[in-house]
Amino acid sequence: MFRRYGDRVGFVTIYIKEAHPLDEWQMDSNEKEGVCYPQPKTTEDRVRIARDFVERFHYEIPLFVDPIDDRANAAYAGWPERLYVIDQTGTIVYKGKPGPFGYHPEEVEAWLKERFE
């Protein structure tokens, strides 16, 4: 989606609290991919993890970090993952359900296709 619509739509990712940290609920898939971090205790910890992620996985979408007080997560109920579309007036026009079961990027792609193709 980012590559297809990024010249017409602003994409951002917000890194909130770690979904599967080493010290809480580590997943086997995280271990296989070498993505094993403890739950960050400071904003600086989150920034460090976000930088590592961007560098290791060559992540192209702009990545912002929710401060350790979790204000973005509180405002958007993003944990563990969630998709939003916010229009040019700042209105939420698509609010996906929480992941993993309600996480449907294809719904966002259909919305974008309808408006930009």
Protein backbone atom coordinates (compact mmCIF):
# COMPACT_ATOMS: atom_id res chain seq x y z
CA MET A 1 0.00 0.00 0.00
CA PHE A 2 2.74 2.40 0.93
CA ARG A 3 4.49 1.92 -2.40
CA ARG A 4 1.23 2.07 -4.38
CA TYR A 5 -0.35 5.10 -2.68
CA GLY A 6 2.52 6.81 -0.86
CA ASP A 7 2.81 9.54 -3.49
CA ARG A 8 -0.81 10.59 -2.75
CA VAL A 9 -1.35 9.58 0.87
CA GLY A 10 0.70 10.14 4.01
CA PHE A 11 1.46 6.90 5.83
CA VAL A 12 2.83 6.69 9.37
CA THR A 13 3.36 3.93 11.88
CA ILE A 14 3.29 4.64 15.59
CA TYR A 15 5.31 2.29 17.77
CA ILE A 16 3.42 1.83 21.03
CA LYS A 17 4.13 -0.62 23.84
CA GLU A 18 5.84 -3.86 22.89
CA ALA A 19 3.21 -6.52 22.12
CA HIS A 20 5.37 -9.57 22.87
CA PRO A 21 8.26 -8.54 25.09
CA LEU A 22 10.84 -10.94 26.49
CA ASP A 23 9.81 -10.15 30.05
CA GLU A 24 6.05 -10.58 29.56
CA TRP A 25 4.72 -12.71 26.69
CA GLN A 26 7.41 -13.71 24.20
CA MET A 27 6.30 -15.47 21.01
CA ASP A 28 8.19 -18.27 19.25
CA SER A 29 7.93 -16.31 15.98
CA ASN A 30 9.77 -13.38 17.61
CA GLU A 31 12.58 -15.70 18.63
CA LYS A 32 12.83 -17.17 15.12
CA GLU A 33 13.07 -13.69 13.60
CA GLY A 34 15.41 -12.40 16.30
CA VAL A 35 12.95 -9.71 17.40
CA CYS A 36 13.29 -10.09 21.14
CA TYR A 37 13.07 -6.98 23.31
CA PRO A 38 12.10 -6.39 26.93
CA GLN A 39 9.16 -4.06 27.54
CA PRO A 40 10.62 -0.54 27.26
CA LYS A 41 10.74 1.39 30.53
CA THR A 42 11.56 4.78 29.00
CA THR A 43 10.81 6.68 25.82
CA GLU A 44 14.50 6.37 24.98
CA ASP A 45 14.17 2.56 25.17
CA ARG A 46 11.28 2.71 22.71
CA VAL A 47 13.26 4.95 20.37
CA ARG A 48 16.19 2.52 20.47
CA ILE A 49 13.95 -0.45 19.63
CA ALA A 50 12.21 1.50 16.85
CA ARG A 51 15.55 2.45 15.30
CA ASP A 52 16.72 -1.14 15.44
CA PHE A 53 13.51 -2.29 13.75
CA VAL A 54 13.76 0.30 10.97
CA GLU A 55 17.40 -0.53 10.29
CA ARG A 56 17.12 -4.32 10.48
CA PHE A 57 13.99 -4.63 8.38
CA HIS A 58 14.58 -1.64 6.07
CA TYR A 59 11.20 -0.25 7.12
CA GLU A 60 10.23 2.53 4.71
CA ILE A 61 7.11 3.99 6.31
CA PRO A 62 7.79 6.93 8.67
CA LEU A 63 7.85 5.53 12.20
CA PHE A 64 6.92 7.64 15.22
CA VAL A 65 7.33 6.54 18.82
CA ASP A 66 4.59 6.86 21.43
CA PRO A 67 6.13 8.41 24.56
CA ILE A 68 6.36 6.10 27.55
CA ASP A 69 3.18 7.66 29.01
CA ASP A 70 1.32 5.89 26.14
CA ARG A 71 -0.68 8.94 25.06
CA ALA A 72 -1.07 7.81 21.42
CA ASN A 73 -2.15 4.34 22.51
CA ALA A 74 -4.64 5.89 24.94
CA ALA A 75 -6.06 8.18 22.25
CA TYR A 76 -6.29 5.55 19.50
CA ALA A 77 -6.56 2.23 21.39
CA GLY A 78 -3.81 0.85 19.17
CA TRP A 79 -2.59 -2.11 21.22
CA PRO A 80 -1.56 -4.58 19.96
CA GLU A 81 -2.11 -3.25 16.42
CA ARG A 82 -4.74 -1.20 14.66
CA LEU A 83 -5.27 0.64 11.39
CA TYR A 84 -6.77 4.10 10.97
CA VAL A 85 -7.41 6.36 7.99
CA ILE A 86 -7.54 10.04 8.84
CA ASP A 87 -8.61 12.41 6.08
CA GLN A 88 -7.14 15.81 5.23
CA THR A 89 -9.50 17.54 7.71
CA GLY A 90 -8.31 15.35 10.59
CA THR A 91 -11.47 13.23 10.66
CA ILE A 92 -11.16 9.49 11.28
CA VAL A 93 -12.81 7.92 8.25
CA TYR A 94 -11.74 4.33 8.90
CA LYS A 95 -11.14 2.72 12.27
CA GLY A 96 -10.08 -0.89 12.09
CA LYS A 97 -10.68 -3.35 14.86
CA PRO A 98 -7.81 -4.32 17.17
CA GLY A 99 -5.42 -6.95 15.89
CA PRO A 100 -4.55 -9.55 15.36
CA PHE A 101 -8.04 -10.81 14.48
CA GLY A 102 -9.48 -7.41 13.56
CA TYR A 103 -6.39 -6.29 11.65
CA HIS A 104 -7.38 -6.14 7.98
CA PRO A 105 -5.04 -4.11 5.77
CA GLU A 106 -7.06 -5.22 2.74
CA GLU A 107 -9.95 -3.05 4.01
CA VAL A 108 -7.69 0.00 4.05
CA GLU A 109 -6.37 -0.88 0.61
CA ALA A 110 -9.94 -1.15 -0.74
CA TRP A 111 -10.73 2.27 0.74
CA LEU A 112 -7.63 3.78 -0.87
CA LYS A 113 -8.32 2.13 -4.22
CA GLU A 114 -11.85 3.51 -4.27
CA ARG A 115 -10.60 7.05 -3.73
CA PHE A 116 -7.28 7.17 -5.55
CA GLU A 117 -7.51 4.95 -8.62
